[in-house]
Protein backbone atom coordinates (compact mmCIF):
# COMPACT_ATOMS: atom_id res chain seq x y z
CA MET A 1 -17.82 39.97 -4.66
CA ASN A 2 -15.07 37.51 -5.43
CA ASN A 3 -15.50 34.36 -6.97
CA PHE A 4 -15.71 32.15 -4.05
CA GLU A 5 -18.48 34.35 -2.39
CA ALA A 6 -20.59 34.39 -5.36
CA LEU A 7 -20.25 30.46 -5.80
CA ILE A 8 -21.31 29.95 -2.14
CA GLU A 9 -24.13 32.53 -2.26
CA ASN A 10 -25.51 30.36 -5.20
CA LEU A 11 -24.69 27.16 -3.57
CA ASP A 12 -22.82 26.25 -6.63
CA PRO A 13 -21.61 22.60 -6.72
CA LYS A 14 -18.50 23.94 -8.80
CA LEU A 15 -16.81 24.19 -5.01
CA PHE A 16 -16.70 20.56 -5.19
CA GLU A 17 -15.37 19.96 -8.79
CA LYS A 18 -11.70 19.57 -8.15
CA ILE A 19 -12.03 16.37 -5.71
CA TYR A 20 -14.35 13.68 -6.12
CA SER A 21 -16.98 13.72 -3.40
CA GLN A 22 -19.26 10.95 -2.50
CA SER A 23 -22.29 13.29 -2.18
CA THR A 24 -25.64 13.73 -4.61
CA GLU A 25 -25.92 17.38 -6.05
CA PRO A 26 -28.68 18.16 -3.45
CA ASP A 27 -26.38 16.91 -0.76
CA LYS A 28 -23.46 19.23 -2.04
CA LYS A 29 -25.98 22.20 -2.37
CA THR A 30 -27.15 21.39 1.41
CA LEU A 31 -23.51 21.13 2.90
CA LEU A 32 -22.97 24.70 1.05
CA ALA A 33 -26.17 26.07 2.69
CA ILE A 34 -24.91 24.98 5.99
CA GLN A 35 -21.51 26.45 5.44
CA SER A 36 -23.14 29.64 4.30
CA ALA A 37 -25.20 29.86 7.49
CA THR A 38 -22.23 29.05 9.60
CA ARG A 39 -20.04 31.75 8.47
CA GLU A 40 -22.81 34.12 8.86
CA LEU A 41 -23.27 33.14 12.48
CA LYS A 42 -19.49 32.62 13.15
CA PRO A 43 -16.90 34.36 10.94
CA ASN A 44 -13.62 32.80 11.50
CA TYR A 45 -15.32 29.69 12.07
CA ASN A 46 -13.45 26.15 12.88
CA TYR A 47 -14.61 23.22 11.04
CA LEU A 48 -14.02 19.31 11.99
CA GLU A 49 -14.83 16.19 9.95
CA ILE A 50 -14.58 12.51 10.61
CA GLY A 51 -14.23 10.66 7.65
CA SER A 52 -12.47 12.60 4.88
CA TYR A 53 -11.04 9.98 2.37
CA LEU A 54 -9.89 12.25 -0.68
CA GLY A 55 -10.88 15.39 1.11
CA GLY A 56 -14.06 16.10 -1.28
CA SER A 57 -16.01 17.70 1.62
CA ILE A 58 -13.09 19.66 2.99
CA GLN A 59 -12.44 21.69 -0.18
CA PRO A 60 -15.24 24.34 0.07
CA HIS A 61 -14.04 25.08 3.67
CA LEU A 62 -10.45 25.07 2.43
CA LEU A 63 -11.35 27.94 -0.10
CA ASP A 64 -13.28 29.92 2.47
CA ASP A 65 -11.24 32.75 4.10
CA LYS A 66 -13.97 32.90 6.96
CA CYS A 67 -12.79 29.27 7.91
CA ALA A 68 -10.17 29.58 10.39
CA LYS A 69 -9.07 25.77 11.12
CA ILE A 70 -10.01 22.57 9.47
CA TYR A 71 -9.55 19.29 11.41
CA SER A 72 -9.82 16.04 9.49
CA ILE A 73 -9.89 12.93 11.46
CA ASP A 74 -9.71 9.48 9.83
CA LYS A 75 -8.47 6.20 10.75
CA ARG A 76 -7.66 5.30 6.97
CA PRO A 77 -8.79 1.97 6.75
CA ALA A 78 -8.43 -0.19 3.48
CA ILE A 79 -12.02 -1.76 4.47
CA GLN A 80 -14.62 -0.46 6.53
CA PRO A 81 -17.65 -2.08 7.95
CA ASP A 82 -20.93 -0.74 7.32
CA ALA A 83 -24.69 -1.17 8.73
CA ARG A 84 -25.78 -2.41 5.35
CA GLY A 85 -23.74 -5.66 5.94
CA ILE A 86 -21.20 -4.97 3.26
CA ASP A 87 -17.61 -4.07 3.98
CA TYR A 88 -16.70 -1.19 1.92
CA LEU A 89 -13.16 -0.91 0.19
CA TYR A 90 -11.26 2.23 0.17
CA GLU A 91 -8.34 2.09 -2.31
CA ASN A 92 -5.13 4.23 -1.66
CA ASN A 93 -6.85 5.76 1.54
CA SER A 94 -4.06 7.74 2.87
CA THR A 95 -3.58 11.37 4.51
CA ALA A 96 -0.77 12.01 2.09
CA ARG A 97 -2.84 11.44 -0.92
CA MET A 98 -5.74 13.71 0.41
CA LEU A 99 -3.27 16.66 1.14
CA GLU A 100 -1.71 16.02 -2.26
CA LYS A 101 -5.33 16.61 -3.84
CA LEU A 102 -6.18 19.37 -1.62
CA ASN A 103 -2.74 21.32 -2.23
CA GLU A 104 -4.22 21.39 -5.93
CA VAL A 105 -7.44 23.28 -4.85
CA ALA A 106 -5.71 26.09 -2.74
CA PRO A 107 -1.93 25.65 -1.97
CA GLU A 108 -1.67 28.87 -0.12
CA LYS A 109 -4.43 28.04 2.42
CA MET A 110 -2.90 24.40 3.43
CA ASP A 111 -1.53 25.69 6.69
CA LYS A 112 -5.13 25.67 8.36
CA ILE A 113 -5.33 22.01 7.91
CA ILE A 114 -4.69 19.78 10.77
CA THR A 115 -4.90 16.02 10.06
CA ILE A 116 -5.33 13.39 12.69
CA ASP A 117 -4.97 9.64 11.75
CA GLY A 118 -7.07 7.43 14.04
CA ASP A 119 -10.53 6.39 15.38
CA SER A 120 -12.42 9.06 17.48
CA SER A 121 -12.23 6.48 20.30
CA GLU A 122 -8.29 6.49 20.22
CA ILE A 123 -8.15 10.37 19.93
CA SER A 124 -7.73 12.73 22.80
CA THR A 125 -9.77 15.78 22.84
CA SER A 126 -6.63 17.63 23.71
CA GLN A 127 -5.49 16.91 20.04
CA VAL A 128 -8.31 19.48 19.25
CA PRO A 129 -7.28 22.46 21.20
CA ASP A 130 -9.61 24.97 19.23
CA LYS A 131 -13.36 25.07 19.96
CA ILE A 132 -15.21 23.70 16.94
CA ASP A 133 -18.26 25.40 15.46
CA LEU A 134 -19.21 22.97 12.64
CA CYS A 135 -18.71 19.05 12.60
CA PHE A 136 -19.40 16.76 9.95
CA ILE A 137 -19.67 12.98 10.66
CA ASP A 138 -19.00 10.78 7.62
CA GLY A 139 -16.67 7.99 8.90
CA GLU A 140 -17.47 4.27 9.61
CA HIS A 141 -21.07 3.77 8.87
CA THR A 142 -22.36 1.48 11.86
CA ASP A 143 -24.31 2.67 14.76
CA ALA A 144 -21.73 2.23 17.29
CA ALA A 145 -19.48 4.33 15.30
CA VAL A 146 -21.69 6.98 14.70
CA LEU A 147 -22.47 7.54 18.41
CA ARG A 148 -18.85 7.41 19.33
CA ASP A 149 -18.26 10.11 16.65
CA PHE A 150 -20.99 12.10 17.95
CA LYS A 151 -19.78 12.02 21.49
CA PHE A 152 -16.34 13.05 20.47
CA CYS A 153 -17.66 15.96 18.22
CA GLN A 154 -19.99 17.21 20.83
CA SER A 155 -16.88 17.08 23.42
CA VAL A 156 -14.89 19.47 21.22
CA LEU A 157 -17.81 21.71 20.05
CA ALA A 158 -18.16 25.15 20.89
CA GLU A 159 -21.10 26.15 23.46
CA ASN A 160 -23.21 26.98 20.40
CA GLY A 161 -22.36 24.88 17.28
CA ALA A 162 -23.84 22.36 14.96
CA ILE A 163 -22.92 18.63 14.17
CA MET A 164 -24.15 17.05 10.78
CA PHE A 165 -24.27 13.22 9.76
CA HIS A 166 -23.85 12.28 5.95
CA ASP A 167 -25.80 8.95 4.89
CA SER A 168 -28.56 9.19 7.58
CA HIS A 169 -30.67 6.69 5.73
CA ILE A 170 -28.03 4.19 6.74
CA THR A 171 -26.90 5.67 10.10
CA TYR A 172 -30.36 6.41 11.53
CA ILE A 173 -30.32 4.28 14.70
CA GLY A 174 -26.95 5.91 15.53
CA ILE A 175 -28.20 9.32 15.08
CA ALA A 176 -31.25 8.29 17.19
CA ASP A 177 -28.89 7.03 19.74
CA SER A 178 -27.02 10.55 19.61
CA LEU A 179 -30.07 12.45 20.19
CA ASN A 180 -30.84 10.16 23.20
CA TYR A 181 -27.33 10.86 24.50
CA LEU A 182 -27.98 14.64 24.38
CA ASP A 183 -31.58 14.19 26.10
CA GLU A 184 -29.87 12.15 29.01
CA LYS A 185 -27.31 14.95 29.29
CA GLY A 186 -29.98 17.79 29.35
CA ILE A 187 -28.26 19.36 26.27
CA SER A 188 -30.73 21.62 24.45
CA TYR A 189 -30.67 21.08 20.64
CA ARG A 190 -32.68 21.21 17.36
CA ALA A 191 -32.56 18.59 14.95
CA TYR A 192 -33.85 18.14 11.43
CA ILE A 193 -32.95 16.48 8.01
CA LEU A 194 -32.27 18.37 4.74
CA PRO A 195 -32.04 16.89 1.18
CA HIS A 196 -30.85 14.27 0.31
CA ILE A 197 -29.53 12.82 3.50
CA VAL A 198 -27.85 15.16 5.54
CA PHE A 199 -29.04 15.27 9.33
CA VAL A 200 -28.30 18.43 11.22
CA VAL A 201 -28.11 18.94 14.97
CA GLU A 202 -27.82 22.51 16.20
CA ILE A 203 -26.51 22.69 19.61
CA GLY A 204 -27.19 25.52 22.12
CA ASP A 205 -28.09 28.77 20.24
CA PHE A 206 -26.66 28.05 16.94
CA PRO A 207 -29.83 28.83 14.46
CA LEU A 208 -28.74 27.52 11.27
CA HIS A 209 -32.52 26.97 10.35
CA LYS A 210 -33.27 30.85 10.30
CA ASN A 211 -30.87 30.92 7.06
CA PRO A 212 -32.98 31.46 3.99
CA HIS A 213 -31.07 28.56 2.25
CA ILE A 214 -31.67 26.20 5.09
CA LEU A 215 -35.39 27.24 5.53
CA GLU A 216 -36.06 26.62 1.87
CA ARG A 217 -34.48 22.98 2.13
CA LEU A 218 -36.49 22.51 5.43
CA ILE A 219 -39.77 23.20 3.52
CA ASP A 220 -38.78 20.73 0.76
CA ASN A 221 -37.40 18.05 3.08
CA HIS A 222 -40.06 15.63 1.71
CA GLN A 223 -37.03 14.94 -0.71
CA SER A 224 -35.18 13.58 1.95
CA TYR A 225 -37.88 11.40 3.31
CA LEU A 226 -38.62 9.76 -0.10
CA PHE A 227 -34.91 9.46 -1.06
CA SER A 228 -34.29 7.69 2.20
CA LEU A 229 -37.13 5.05 1.75
CA GLN A 230 -36.42 4.63 -2.12
CA THR A 231 -32.91 4.21 -1.49
CA ASN A 232 -33.63 1.51 1.32
CA ASP A 233 -36.33 -0.24 -0.75
CA GLU A 234 -34.12 -3.07 -1.70
CA PHE A 235 -34.40 -4.48 1.69
CA ARG A 236 -38.16 -4.52 1.53
CA ARG A 237 -37.96 -6.26 -1.85
CA PHE A 238 -35.57 -8.62 -0.41
CA ALA A 239 -38.06 -9.50 2.43
CA ASN A 240 -40.89 -9.86 0.12
CA ARG A 241 -39.12 -12.63 -1.94
CA PHE A 242 -39.55 -16.48 -1.73
CA PRO A 243 -39.56 -17.88 0.89
CA PHE A 244 -39.29 -15.12 3.32
CA ARG A 245 -42.76 -13.49 2.39
CA GLN A 246 -44.27 -17.10 2.83
CA LEU A 247 -42.91 -17.35 6.35
CA ARG A 248 -43.67 -13.89 7.50
CA ASN A 249 -47.38 -14.38 6.57
CA PHE A 250 -47.29 -17.79 8.40
CA MET A 251 -45.97 -16.02 11.54
CA VAL A 252 -48.42 -13.14 11.16
CA LYS A 253 -51.48 -15.41 10.97
CA ARG A 254 -49.99 -17.57 13.78
CA ARG A 255 -49.88 -14.51 16.03
CA LYS A 256 -53.18 -13.20 14.48
CA ASN A 257 -51.40 -9.92 13.89
CA ASN A 258 -53.50 -9.64 10.48
CA ILE A 259 -56.94 -9.33 12.34
CA SER A 260 -58.17 -5.89 12.92
CA ARG A 261 -60.98 -5.41 15.53
């Protein structure tokens, strides 16, 4: 067993160590678990992600000999809107900078990376000629963008594959809209959350959940539930401040919503 095989078998976050990744340690382990399950189901798999920034989430796939192609889609904005009501800054956000960093990870494997600068609404699916087995959505964190990115991923996905969302505690409405879209299309899927905040949609017959690494995280997905609520608790604290709490109490009493019968 070579070093990479040992590291991914143990879900070792060292596979992320060369490029900074905006993920928690549980998220990194979850992403490695999904990668491990994918390469068992589909050796020679194709990977696509929307929102790469520095390439932190690409590096384990770049190192993986069972990953045939990597597509990175990113509009590369300096400022990006966010559902939390804050515009987030991305300094020195360029494809050239990302490729420079990835070249330091595995220079001999750079030929399998295909970069596309743009928004998923601006890109033709013909720019992704390979059928994709695993997608990762971590671009603009707004509901409209998440649904848009999901539709693009679903259109280039193989008949059986999976789409992951990061930061699901922020983009949950967009994720719900994505599942509604599948329901409307009559597309078969399974969906679940893994610690901390990675939401997975298996489409067709792509049973990642049967992998022991994934099953273990499914059993412990209370971590996802609690982490999401604790992370968003600042909004509850804000809503309970003066004068918002008083206003809410007034409206509840006026509507008599506080009366149990």
